[in-house]
C-alpha atoms as a PDB file:
ATOM      1  CA  UNK A   1       5.934  -1.070  10.126  1.00  0.00           C
ATOM      2  CA  UNK A   2       7.642  -4.209  11.416  1.00  0.00           C
ATOM      3  CA  UNK A   3      10.090  -6.323   8.995  1.00  0.00           C
ATOM      4  CA  UNK A   4       7.926  -9.328   8.927  1.00  0.00           C
ATOM      5  CA  UNK A   5       4.298  -6.983   8.409  1.00  0.00           C
ATOM      6  CA  UNK A   6       6.167  -5.343   5.734  1.00  0.00           C
ATOM      7  CA  UNK A   7       7.087  -8.585   4.264  1.00  0.00           C
ATOM      8  CA  UNK A   8       3.597  -9.885   4.026  1.00  0.00           C
ATOM      9  CA  UNK A   9       1.736  -6.623   2.936  1.00  0.00           C
ATOM     10  CA  UNK A  10       4.462  -6.131   0.092  1.00  0.00           C
ATOM     11  CA  UNK A  11       4.198 -10.154  -1.482  1.00  0.00           C
ATOM     12  CA  UNK A  12       0.645  -9.714  -0.676  1.00  0.00           C
ATOM     13  CA  UNK A  13      -0.075  -6.321  -2.726  1.00  0.00           C
ATOM     14  CA  UNK A  14       2.716  -6.401  -5.099  1.00  0.00           C
ATOM     15  CA  UNK A  15       4.022 -10.329  -5.390  1.00  0.00           C
ATOM     16  CA  UNK A  16       0.246 -11.806  -5.828  1.00  0.00           C
ATOM     17  CA  UNK A  17      -0.865  -9.464  -8.270  1.00  0.00           C
ATOM     18  CA  UNK A  18       2.074  -9.268 -10.471  1.00  0.00           C
ATOM     19  CA  UNK A  19       1.643 -13.390 -10.355  1.00  0.00           C
ATOM     20  CA  UNK A  20      -1.730 -13.282 -11.716  1.00  0.00           C
ATOM     21  CA  UNK A  21      -0.548 -11.065 -14.430  1.00  0.00           C
ATOM     22  CA  UNK A  22       1.926 -13.264 -15.322  1.00  0.00           C
ATOM     23  CA  UNK A  23      -0.613 -16.371 -14.854  1.00  0.00           C
ATOM     24  CA  UNK A  24      -2.779 -14.560 -17.316  1.00  0.00           C
ATOM     25  CA  UNK A  25      -0.439 -13.449 -20.038  1.00  0.00           C
ATOM     26  CA  UNK A  26       1.213 -16.850 -20.202  1.00  0.00           C
ATOM     27  CA  UNK A  27      -0.911 -19.613 -19.539  1.00  0.00           C
ATOM     28  CA  UNK A  28      -1.987 -21.462 -22.676  1.00  0.00           C
ATOM     29  CA  UNK A  29      -5.926 -22.045 -22.586  1.00  0.00           C
ATOM     30  CA  UNK A  30      -6.853 -24.778 -24.822  1.00  0.00           C
ATOM     31  CA  UNK A  31     -10.267 -23.261 -24.896  1.00  0.00           C
ATOM     32  CA  UNK A  32     -12.642 -19.809 -24.427  1.00  0.00           C
ATOM     33  CA  UNK A  33     -13.933 -21.762 -21.171  1.00  0.00           C
ATOM     34  CA  UNK A  34     -10.753 -22.235 -19.789  1.00  0.00           C
ATOM     35  CA  UNK A  35      -9.866 -18.604 -20.647  1.00  0.00           C
ATOM     36  CA  UNK A  36     -12.582 -17.452 -18.816  1.00  0.00           C
ATOM     37  CA  UNK A  37     -11.986 -19.611 -15.848  1.00  0.00           C
ATOM     38  CA  UNK A  38      -8.798 -18.097 -15.704  1.00  0.00           C
ATOM     39  CA  UNK A  39      -9.859 -14.757 -15.642  1.00  0.00           C
ATOM     40  CA  UNK A  40     -12.730 -15.230 -13.310  1.00  0.00           C
ATOM     41  CA  UNK A  41      -9.862 -16.893 -10.184  1.00  0.00           C
ATOM     42  CA  UNK A  42      -7.726 -14.101 -11.029  1.00  0.00           C
ATOM     43  CA  UNK A  43      -9.912 -11.124 -11.155  1.00  0.00           C
ATOM     44  CA  UNK A  44     -11.919 -11.954  -7.380  1.00  0.00           C
ATOM     45  CA  UNK A  45      -8.674 -12.693  -5.963  1.00  0.00           C
ATOM     46  CA  UNK A  46      -7.160  -9.215  -7.127  1.00  0.00           C
ATOM     47  CA  UNK A  47     -10.879  -7.627  -6.341  1.00  0.00           C
ATOM     48  CA  UNK A  48     -10.215  -9.070  -2.608  1.00  0.00           C
ATOM     49  CA  UNK A  49      -6.607  -7.612  -2.528  1.00  0.00           C
ATOM     50  CA  UNK A  50      -7.736  -4.318  -4.319  1.00  0.00           C
ATOM     51  CA  UNK A  51     -10.831  -3.826  -1.614  1.00  0.00           C
ATOM     52  CA  UNK A  52      -9.439  -4.983   1.590  1.00  0.00           C
ATOM     53  CA  UNK A  53      -5.379  -4.192   0.964  1.00  0.00           C
ATOM     54  CA  UNK A  54      -3.833  -1.710   3.361  1.00  0.00           C
ATOM     55  CA  UNK A  55      -2.291   0.816  -0.252  1.00  0.00           C
ATOM     56  CA  UNK A  56      -1.458   3.417   2.186  1.00  0.00           C
ATOM     57  CA  UNK A  57       1.417   1.152   2.830  1.00  0.00           C
ATOM     58  CA  UNK A  58       2.415   0.431  -0.841  1.00  0.00           C
ATOM     59  CA  UNK A  59       1.206   3.496  -2.437  1.00  0.00           C
ATOM     60  CA  UNK A  60      -2.630   4.201  -3.490  1.00  0.00           C
ATOM     61  CA  UNK A  61      -1.256   4.631  -7.132  1.00  0.00           C
ATOM     62  CA  UNK A  62      -0.202   1.494  -7.282  1.00  0.00           C
ATOM     63  CA  UNK A  63      -3.816  -0.150  -6.528  1.00  0.00           C
ATOM     64  CA  UNK A  64      -4.695   1.233  -9.657  1.00  0.00           C
ATOM     65  CA  UNK A  65      -1.761   0.763 -11.605  1.00  0.00           C
ATOM     66  CA  UNK A  66      -2.084  -3.288 -11.261  1.00  0.00           C
ATOM     67  CA  UNK A  67      -5.786  -2.933 -12.304  1.00  0.00           C
ATOM     68  CA  UNK A  68      -4.515  -1.282 -15.367  1.00  0.00           C
ATOM     69  CA  UNK A  69      -2.220  -3.742 -15.902  1.00  0.00           C
ATOM     70  CA  UNK A  70      -4.361  -6.769 -14.957  1.00  0.00           C
ATOM     71  CA  UNK A  71      -7.384  -5.211 -17.079  1.00  0.00           C
ATOM     72  CA  UNK A  72      -5.116  -5.430 -20.682  1.00  0.00           C
ATOM     73  CA  UNK A  73      -3.378  -8.873 -19.732  1.00  0.00           C
ATOM     74  CA  UNK A  74      -6.940 -10.040 -19.696  1.00  0.00           C
ATOM     75  CA  UNK A  75      -7.694  -8.911 -23.231  1.00  0.00           C
ATOM     76  CA  UNK A  76      -4.476 -10.244 -24.334  1.00  0.00           C
ATOM     77  CA  UNK A  77      -5.902 -13.443 -23.293  1.00  0.00           C
ATOM     78  CA  UNK A  78      -9.098 -13.180 -24.448  1.00  0.00           C
ATOM     79  CA  UNK A  79      -7.473 -12.509 -27.507  1.00  0.00           C
ATOM     80  CA  UNK A  80      -5.527 -15.444 -27.503  1.00  0.00           C
ATOM     81  CA  UNK A  81      -8.387 -17.781 -26.834  1.00  0.00           C
ATOM     82  CA  UNK A  82     -11.075 -16.334 -29.642  1.00  0.00           C
ATOM     83  CA  UNK A  83     -10.232 -19.181 -31.900  1.00  0.00           C
ATOM     84  CA  UNK A  84     -10.077 -22.266 -29.722  1.00  0.00           C
ATOM     85  CA  UNK A  85     -13.156 -24.387 -28.684  1.00  0.00           C
ATOM     86  CA  UNK A  86     -15.480 -23.169 -26.587  1.00  0.00           C
ATOM     87  CA  UNK A  87     -14.640 -26.255 -24.091  1.00  0.00           C
ATOM     88  CA  UNK A  88     -12.132 -28.827 -23.943  1.00  0.00           C
ATOM     89  CA  UNK A  89     -12.339 -31.044 -20.223  1.00  0.00           C
ATOM     90  CA  UNK A  90      -9.956 -29.822 -17.873  1.00  0.00           C
ATOM     91  CA  UNK A  91      -7.974 -32.700 -15.702  1.00  0.00           C
ATOM     92  CA  UNK A  92     -10.521 -33.121 -12.824  1.00  0.00           C
ATOM     93  CA  UNK A  93      -7.926 -31.415 -10.160  1.00  0.00           C
ATOM     94  CA  UNK A  94      -7.463 -28.577 -12.356  1.00  0.00           C
ATOM     95  CA  UNK A  95     -10.936 -28.024 -12.701  1.00  0.00           C
ATOM     96  CA  UNK A  96     -11.471 -28.875  -8.675  1.00  0.00           C
ATOM     97  CA  UNK A  97      -8.862 -26.472  -7.547  1.00  0.00           C
ATOM     98  CA  UNK A  98      -9.663 -23.566  -9.940  1.00  0.00           C
ATOM     99  CA  UNK A  99     -13.326 -23.742  -8.830  1.00  0.00           C
ATOM    100  CA  UNK A 100     -12.359 -23.889  -5.160  1.00  0.00           C
ATOM    101  CA  UNK A 101     -10.231 -20.792  -5.356  1.00  0.00           C
ATOM    102  CA  UNK A 102     -12.797 -18.831  -7.393  1.00  0.00           C
ATOM    103  CA  UNK A 103     -15.724 -20.160  -4.742  1.00  0.00           C
ATOM    104  CA  UNK A 104     -13.229 -18.688  -2.153  1.00  0.00           C
ATOM    105  CA  UNK A 105     -12.155 -15.433  -2.839  1.00  0.00           C
ATOM    106  CA  UNK A 106     -15.475 -14.513  -4.466  1.00  0.00           C
ATOM    107  CA  UNK A 107     -16.980 -15.172  -0.816  1.00  0.00           C
ATOM    108  CA  UNK A 108     -14.371 -13.046   0.629  1.00  0.00           C
ATOM    109  CA  UNK A 109     -15.098 -10.282  -1.985  1.00  0.00           C
ATOM    110  CA  UNK A 110     -18.707 -10.284  -1.248  1.00  0.00           C
ATOM    111  CA  UNK A 111     -17.919 -10.170   2.738  1.00  0.00           C
ATOM    112  CA  UNK A 112     -15.344  -6.786   1.783  1.00  0.00           C
ATOM    113  CA  UNK A 113     -18.379  -5.405  -0.390  1.00  0.00           C
ATOM    114  CA  UNK A 114     -20.698  -5.935   1.925  1.00  0.00           C
ATOM    115  CA  UNK A 115     -18.897  -3.407   4.295  1.00  0.00           C
ATOM    116  CA  UNK A 116     -19.628  -1.000   1.891  1.00  0.00           C
ATOM    117  CA  UNK A 117     -23.006   0.670   3.448  1.00  0.00           C
ATOM    118  CA  UNK A 118     -23.957   1.167   7.324  1.00  0.00           C
ATOM    119  CA  UNK A 119     -26.226  -1.657   8.638  1.00  0.00           C
ATOM    120  CA  UNK A 120     -27.407   0.846  11.152  1.00  0.00           C
ATOM    121  CA  UNK A 121     -28.942   5.067  10.946  1.00  0.00           C
ATOM    122  CA  UNK A 122     -25.801   6.759  10.756  1.00  0.00           C
ATOM    123  CA  UNK A 123     -24.873  10.457  11.791  1.00  0.00           C
ATOM    124  CA  UNK A 124     -23.684  13.036   9.305  1.00  0.00           C
ATOM    125  CA  UNK A 125     -20.522  14.634  10.038  1.00  0.00           C
ATOM    126  CA  UNK A 126     -17.720  16.955   8.192  1.00  0.00           C
ATOM    127  CA  UNK A 127     -14.967  15.391   7.232  1.00  0.00           C
ATOM    128  CA  UNK A 128     -12.658  16.296   9.671  1.00  0.00           C
ATOM    129  CA  UNK A 129      -9.196  16.745   8.101  1.00  0.00           C
ATOM    130  CA  UNK A 130      -8.511  19.318   4.815  1.00  0.00           C
ATOM    131  CA  UNK A 131      -7.339  15.660   3.430  1.00  0.00           C
ATOM    132  CA  UNK A 132      -7.212  12.232   3.934  1.00  0.00           C
ATOM    133  CA  UNK A 133      -7.551   8.670   3.505  1.00  0.00           C
ATOM    134  CA  UNK A 134      -9.502   6.128   5.416  1.00  0.00           C
ATOM    135  CA  UNK A 135      -7.057   2.927   6.296  1.00  0.00           C
ATOM    136  CA  UNK A 136      -9.787   1.371   8.358  1.00  0.00           C
ATOM    137  CA  UNK A 137     -13.234   2.465   7.712  1.00  0.00           C
ATOM    138  CA  UNK A 138     -16.767   0.319   6.990  1.00  0.00           C
ATOM    139  CA  UNK A 139     -19.076  -2.320   8.150  1.00  0.00           C
ATOM    140  CA  UNK A 140     -17.084  -5.348   7.828  1.00  0.00           C
ATOM    141  CA  UNK A 141     -13.856  -6.529   9.764  1.00  0.00           C
ATOM    142  CA  UNK A 142     -11.983  -7.724   6.111  1.00  0.00           C
ATOM    143  CA  UNK A 143     -11.935  -3.487   6.045  1.00  0.00           C
ATOM    144  CA  UNK A 144     -12.687  -2.310   9.404  1.00  0.00           C
ATOM    145  CA  UNK A 145     -10.734  -4.050  12.273  1.00  0.00           C
ATOM    146  CA  UNK A 146     -12.741  -2.319  14.352  1.00  0.00           C
ATOM    147  CA  UNK A 147     -16.219  -3.613  13.364  1.00  0.00           C
ATOM    148  CA  UNK A 148     -15.201  -6.619  15.794  1.00  0.00           C
ATOM    149  CA  UNK A 149     -15.684  -4.566  18.756  1.00  0.00           C
ATOM    150  CA  UNK A 150     -19.021  -4.985  20.669  1.00  0.00           C
ATOM    151  CA  UNK A 151     -19.210  -1.767  21.930  1.00  0.00           C
ATOM    152  CA  UNK A 152     -18.380   1.876  21.039  1.00  0.00           C
ATOM    153  CA  UNK A 153     -15.478   1.614  18.404  1.00  0.00           C
ATOM    154  CA  UNK A 154     -17.578  -0.839  15.922  1.00  0.00           C
ATOM    155  CA  UNK A 155     -17.921   1.663  13.705  1.00  0.00           C
ATOM    156  CA  UNK A 156     -15.134   3.724  14.292  1.00  0.00           C
ATOM    157  CA  UNK A 157     -12.568   4.924  11.379  1.00  0.00           C
ATOM    158  CA  UNK A 158      -8.839   5.806  11.175  1.00  0.00           C
ATOM    159  CA  UNK A 159      -7.759   8.209   8.829  1.00  0.00           C
ATOM    160  CA  UNK A 160      -4.347   8.982   7.481  1.00  0.00           C
ATOM    161  CA  UNK A 161      -2.753  11.093   4.612  1.00  0.00           C
ATOM    162  CA  UNK A 162      -0.826  10.051   1.829  1.00  0.00           C
ATOM    163  CA  UNK A 163       2.385  11.869   0.300  1.00  0.00           C
ATOM    164  CA  UNK A 164       3.139  12.643  -3.032  1.00  0.00           C
ATOM    165  CA  UNK A 165       3.882   8.594  -3.495  1.00  0.00           C
ATOM    166  CA  UNK A 166       0.521   7.806  -2.738  1.00  0.00           C
ATOM    167  CA  UNK A 167       2.082   6.418   0.645  1.00  0.00           C
ATOM    168  CA  UNK A 168       1.043   7.351   4.452  1.00  0.00           C
ATOM    169  CA  UNK A 169       4.886   8.004   5.327  1.00  0.00           C
ATOM    170  CA  UNK A 170       8.492   7.978   3.837  1.00  0.00           C
ATOM    171  CA  UNK A 171       9.462   4.600   2.805  1.00  0.00           C
ATOM    172  CA  UNK A 172       8.527   1.501   4.496  1.00  0.00           C
ATOM    173  CA  UNK A 173      10.099   1.515   7.868  1.00  0.00           C
ATOM    174  CA  UNK A 174       9.822   4.839   9.012  1.00  0.00           C
ATOM    175  CA  UNK A 175      11.494   6.143  11.900  1.00  0.00           C
ATOM    176  CA  UNK A 176      10.575   9.829  12.686  1.00  0.00           C
ATOM    177  CA  UNK A 177       6.611  10.695  13.429  1.00  0.00           C
ATOM    178  CA  UNK A 178       7.749  13.503  10.647  1.00  0.00           C
ATOM    179  CA  UNK A 179       7.822  10.834   8.329  1.00  0.00           C
ATOM    180  CA  UNK A 180       3.936  10.066   8.667  1.00  0.00           C
ATOM    181  CA  UNK A 181       2.253  12.931   6.150  1.00  0.00           C
ATOM    182  CA  UNK A 182      -0.838  13.397   8.423  1.00  0.00           C
ATOM    183  CA  UNK A 183       1.659  14.222  11.494  1.00  0.00           C
ATOM    184  CA  UNK A 184       0.657  17.488  13.056  1.00  0.00           C
ATOM    185  CA  UNK A 185      -2.116  18.302  10.430  1.00  0.00           C
ATOM    186  CA  UNK A 186      -5.054  20.720  12.006  1.00  0.00           C
ATOM    187  CA  UNK A 187      -8.501  18.575  12.933  1.00  0.00           C
ATOM    188  CA  UNK A 188     -11.308  20.724  12.533  1.00  0.00           C
ATOM    189  CA  UNK A 189     -14.740  19.941  14.255  1.00  0.00           C
ATOM    190  CA  UNK A 190     -16.764  18.109  12.202  1.00  0.00           C
ATOM    191  CA  UNK A 191     -20.274  19.237  13.850  1.00  0.00           C
ATOM    192  CA  UNK A 192     -21.742  21.926  15.791  1.00  0.00           C
ATOM    193  CA  UNK A 193     -21.964  21.176  19.763  1.00  0.00           C
ATOM    194  CA  UNK A 194     -20.639  21.042  22.956  1.00  0.00           C
ATOM    195  CA  UNK A 195     -17.338  20.055  24.231  1.00  0.00           C
ATOM    196  CA  UNK A 196     -18.174  17.083  26.408  1.00  0.00           C
ATOM    197  CA  UNK A 197     -14.956  15.717  27.229  1.00  0.00           C
ATOM    198  CA  UNK A 198     -11.648  15.993  26.637  1.00  0.00           C
ATOM    199  CA  UNK A 199      -7.888  15.387  27.675  1.00  0.00           C
ATOM    200  CA  UNK A 200      -4.725  16.853  26.748  1.00  0.00           C
ATOM    201  CA  UNK A 201      -1.241  16.779  28.056  1.00  0.00           C
ATOM    202  CA  UNK A 202       0.077  13.606  27.019  1.00  0.00           C
ATOM    203  CA  UNK A 203       3.105  12.761  24.741  1.00  0.00           C
ATOM    204  CA  UNK A 204       2.930  11.915  21.474  1.00  0.00           C
ATOM    205  CA  UNK A 205       4.666   8.060  21.854  1.00  0.00           C
ATOM    206  CA  UNK A 206       7.869   7.046  19.576  1.00  0.00           C
ATOM    207  CA  UNK A 207       7.382   4.877  16.584  1.00  0.00           C
ATOM    208  CA  UNK A 208       7.142   1.366  17.910  1.00  0.00           C
ATOM    209  CA  UNK A 209       6.050   2.387  21.480  1.00  0.00           C
ATOM    210  CA  UNK A 210       2.784   3.127  22.768  1.00  0.00           C
ATOM    211  CA  UNK A 211       0.746   4.104  26.033  1.00  0.00           C
ATOM    212  CA  UNK A 212      -1.485   1.279  27.035  1.00  0.00           C
ATOM    213  CA  UNK A 213      -2.927   3.196  29.836  1.00  0.00           C
ATOM    214  CA  UNK A 214      -4.547   6.225  28.328  1.00  0.00           C
ATOM    215  CA  UNK A 215      -5.458   4.013  24.996  1.00  0.00           C
ATOM    216  CA  UNK A 216      -7.012   7.905  23.306  1.00  0.00           C
ATOM    217  CA  UNK A 217      -4.282   9.524  24.462  1.00  0.00           C
ATOM    218  CA  UNK A 218      -5.307  12.915  23.760  1.00  0.00           C
ATOM    219  CA  UNK A 219      -9.146  13.585  22.831  1.00  0.00           C
ATOM    220  CA  UNK A 220     -11.892  15.287  22.521  1.00  0.00           C
ATOM    221  CA  UNK A 221     -15.827  14.141  22.840  1.00  0.00           C
ATOM    222  CA  UNK A 222     -18.128  16.714  21.423  1.00  0.00           C
ATOM    223  CA  UNK A 223     -21.918  16.045  22.115  1.00  0.00           C
ATOM    224  CA  UNK A 224     -23.834  16.811  19.011  1.00  0.00           C
ATOM    225  CA  UNK A 225     -27.244  15.862  17.026  1.00  0.00           C
ATOM    226  CA  UNK A 226     -28.047  13.149  20.044  1.00  0.00           C
ATOM    227  CA  UNK A 227     -24.364  11.344  20.204  1.00  0.00           C
ATOM    228  CA  UNK A 228     -20.783  11.883  21.404  1.00  0.00           C
ATOM    229  CA  UNK A 229     -18.509  12.141  18.561  1.00  0.00           C
ATOM    230  CA  UNK A 230     -14.716  11.353  19.633  1.00  0.00           C
ATOM    231  CA  UNK A 231     -11.370  11.862  18.446  1.00  0.00           C
ATOM    232  CA  UNK A 232      -8.686  11.019  19.358  1.00  0.00           C
ATOM    233  CA  UNK A 233      -4.367  10.559  19.371  1.00  0.00           C
ATOM    234  CA  UNK A 234      -4.144  14.514  19.589  1.00  0.00           C
ATOM    235  CA  UNK A 235      -0.977  16.214  19.498  1.00  0.00           C
ATOM    236  CA  UNK A 236       0.172  17.231  23.100  1.00  0.00           C
ATOM    237  CA  UNK A 237      -1.076  21.073  23.874  1.00  0.00           C
ATOM    238  CA  UNK A 238      -2.531  21.376  20.391  1.00  0.00           C
ATOM    239  CA  UNK A 239      -6.090  21.044  21.986  1.00  0.00           C
ATOM    240  CA  UNK A 240      -8.116  25.100  20.857  1.00  0.00           C
ATOM    241  CA  UNK A 241     -11.436  24.175  23.013  1.00  0.00           C
ATOM    242  CA  UNK A 242     -12.471  23.675  26.777  1.00  0.00           C
ATOM    243  CA  UNK A 243     -14.713  21.342  28.485  1.00  0.00           C
ATOM    244  CA  UNK A 244     -18.547  22.792  27.853  1.00  0.00           C
ATOM    245  CA  UNK A 245     -17.059  25.200  24.967  1.00  0.00           C
ATOM    246  CA  UNK A 246     -19.814  25.276  21.949  1.00  0.00           C
ATOM    247  CA  UNK A 247     -18.022  24.121  19.251  1.00  0.00           C
ATOM    248  CA  UNK A 248     -19.029  24.632  15.509  1.00  0.00           C
ATOM    249  CA  UNK A 249     -18.615  22.862  12.073  1.00  0.00           C
ATOM    250  CA  UNK A 250     -15.180  23.643  10.451  1.00  0.00           C
ATOM    251  CA  UNK A 251     -13.756  25.241  13.558  1.00  0.00           C
ATOM    252  CA  UNK A 252      -9.994  24.420  14.375  1.00  0.00           C
ATOM    253  CA  UNK A 253      -9.676  22.539  17.159  1.00  0.00           C
ATOM    254  CA  UNK A 254      -6.702  20.483  17.367  1.00  0.00           C
ATOM    255  CA  UNK A 255      -3.444  18.577  15.837  1.00  0.00           C
ATOM    256  CA  UNK A 256      -2.833  15.049  14.581  1.00  0.00           C
ATOM    257  CA  UNK A 257      -0.453  13.326  16.928  1.00  0.00           C
ATOM    258  CA  UNK A 258       0.457  10.105  18.266  1.00  0.00           C
ATOM    259  CA  UNK A 259      -0.538  10.050  21.945  1.00  0.00           C
ATOM    260  CA  UNK A 260      -2.038   6.944  23.885  1.00  0.00           C
ATOM    261  CA  UNK A 261      -2.382   3.018  22.553  1.00  0.00           C
ATOM    262  CA  UNK A 262      -0.978   3.612  18.649  1.00  0.00           C
ATOM    263  CA  UNK A 263       1.217   2.319  16.388  1.00  0.00           C
ATOM    264  CA  UNK A 264       1.942   5.423  14.211  1.00  0.00           C
ATOM    265  CA  UNK A 265       0.054   8.943  13.569  1.00  0.00           C
ATOM    266  CA  UNK A 266      -3.588   9.078  12.533  1.00  0.00           C
ATOM    267  CA  UNK A 267      -6.545  10.444  13.558  1.00  0.00           C
ATOM    268  CA  UNK A 268      -9.649   8.084  15.522  1.00  0.00           C
ATOM    269  CA  UNK A 269     -12.899   8.975  15.182  1.00  0.00           C
ATOM    270  CA  UNK A 270     -16.200   7.452  16.486  1.00  0.00           C
ATOM    271  CA  UNK A 271     -19.783   8.138  17.420  1.00  0.00           C
ATOM    272  CA  UNK A 272     -21.558   6.965  20.554  1.00  0.00           C
ATOM    273  CA  UNK A 273     -25.199   6.901  21.328  1.00  0.00           C
ATOM    274  CA  UNK A 274     -26.494   9.613  23.916  1.00  0.00           C
ATOM    275  CA  UNK A 275     -24.584  11.715  25.784  1.00  0.00           C
ATOM    276  CA  UNK A 276     -23.126   9.726  28.645  1.00  0.00           C
ATOM    277  CA  UNK A 277     -19.121  10.602  28.808  1.00  0.00           C
ATOM    278  CA  UNK A 278     -18.320   7.618  30.796  1.00  0.00           C
ATOM    279  CA  UNK A 279     -19.277   5.341  28.131  1.00  0.00           C
ATOM    280  CA  UNK A 280     -17.351   6.951  25.420  1.00  0.00           C
ATOM    281  CA  UNK A 281     -15.327   3.656  24.648  1.00  0.00           C
ATOM    282  CA  UNK A 282     -18.174   1.177  25.892  1.00  0.00           C
ATOM    283  CA  UNK A 283     -21.657   2.707  24.840  1.00  0.00           C
ATOM    284  CA  UNK A 284     -23.587   1.600  21.616  1.00  0.00           C
ATOM    285  CA  UNK A 285     -21.447   2.373  18.273  1.00  0.00           C
ATOM    286  CA  UNK A 286     -23.443   4.667  15.275  1.00  0.00           C
ATOM    287  CA  UNK A 287     -22.116   4.946  12.006  1.00  0.00           C
ATOM    288  CA  UNK A 288     -20.684   8.160  10.559  1.00  0.00           C
ATOM    289  CA  UNK A 289     -20.968   9.930   7.705  1.00  0.00           C
ATOM    290  CA  UNK A 290     -18.466  12.176   5.963  1.00  0.00           C
ATOM    291  CA  UNK A 291     -19.567  14.484   3.398  1.00  0.00           C
ATOM    292  CA  UNK A 292     -22.772  12.587   3.083  1.00  0.00           C
ATOM    293  CA  UNK A 293     -20.513   9.412   2.269  1.00  0.00           C
ATOM    294  CA  UNK A 294     -19.974   6.108   4.401  1.00  0.00           C
ATOM    295  CA  UNK A 295     -16.097   5.640   4.900  1.00  0.00           C
ATOM    296  CA  UNK A 296     -14.635   2.767   3.782  1.00  0.00           C
ATOM    297  CA  UNK A 297     -11.245   1.501   3.804  1.00  0.00           C
ATOM    298  CA  UNK A 298      -9.160   3.197   0.806  1.00  0.00           C
ATOM    299  CA  UNK A 299     -11.485   5.905   0.550  1.00  0.00           C
ATOM    300  CA  UNK A 300      -9.863   9.109   0.183  1.00  0.00           C
ATOM    301  CA  UNK A 301     -11.699  12.188   1.559  1.00  0.00           C
ATOM    302  CA  UNK A 302     -11.437  16.111   1.337  1.00  0.00           C
ATOM    303  CA  UNK A 303     -13.011  18.485   3.646  1.00  0.00           C
ATOM    304  CA  UNK A 304     -15.952  20.610   1.816  1.00  0.00           C
ATOM    305  CA  UNK A 305     -15.201  24.303   2.700  1.00  0.00           C
END
């Protein structure tokens, strides 16, 4: 993670939630209405961060710790406001600014939640790793940057794995590929099918470098159930299948690497309608279900045995 990106993530996912907790705890509300408005603004703002934030950067566990702390602060706020009048007029500027923040973050949160369900018919797949964490996934650009793509990657999913600290890697500035928990993990075939196209032999990219000429890096495309399922960024030499091989669900097929146009080790997977391998990156995208669930950002998965 670049220093500026790290600073933004820490401010947005640590300092802002902590500031909301402090605001809720220390604000002296003159009425129950003011307390409720304060809580409404705080919760819509926090829930937006809760759903949209990249918690694999700062810790999946911190996400829920902040949720619990804000809930406790909210009870304390309501307790203090219990014996106050229900309504005392607020300064117009204060009322307008808080209602505006409430409207903005309520809309943003709704836009994120709207991406929790697929908006077209999905294909059912097995989860392709033993365990993983969705860093990009869903039917909204708020939780999946791929969704802005007009072609094959609209419903693409990026998967990492969390370490014991609930983070994708050791520290904010990992220097080695091995610092990432998912690096080297076995990739399993997510469906029964036939290997329609593959690429192997491209090197892993060092942190901070990428291969724009080979965006997918080492990859495999499997024809199954009328779609092509593409998995990318494999470790060189790790592919175990050959072109035209028949593959089965749960079959080990490769290992997670950092080949291609990628900033860090992760598994990329997307599905394309039809069987035309020339349209792997330009065809019609198909949503995917893993173990019967639509994958969205910050969701944990395990492979069903």
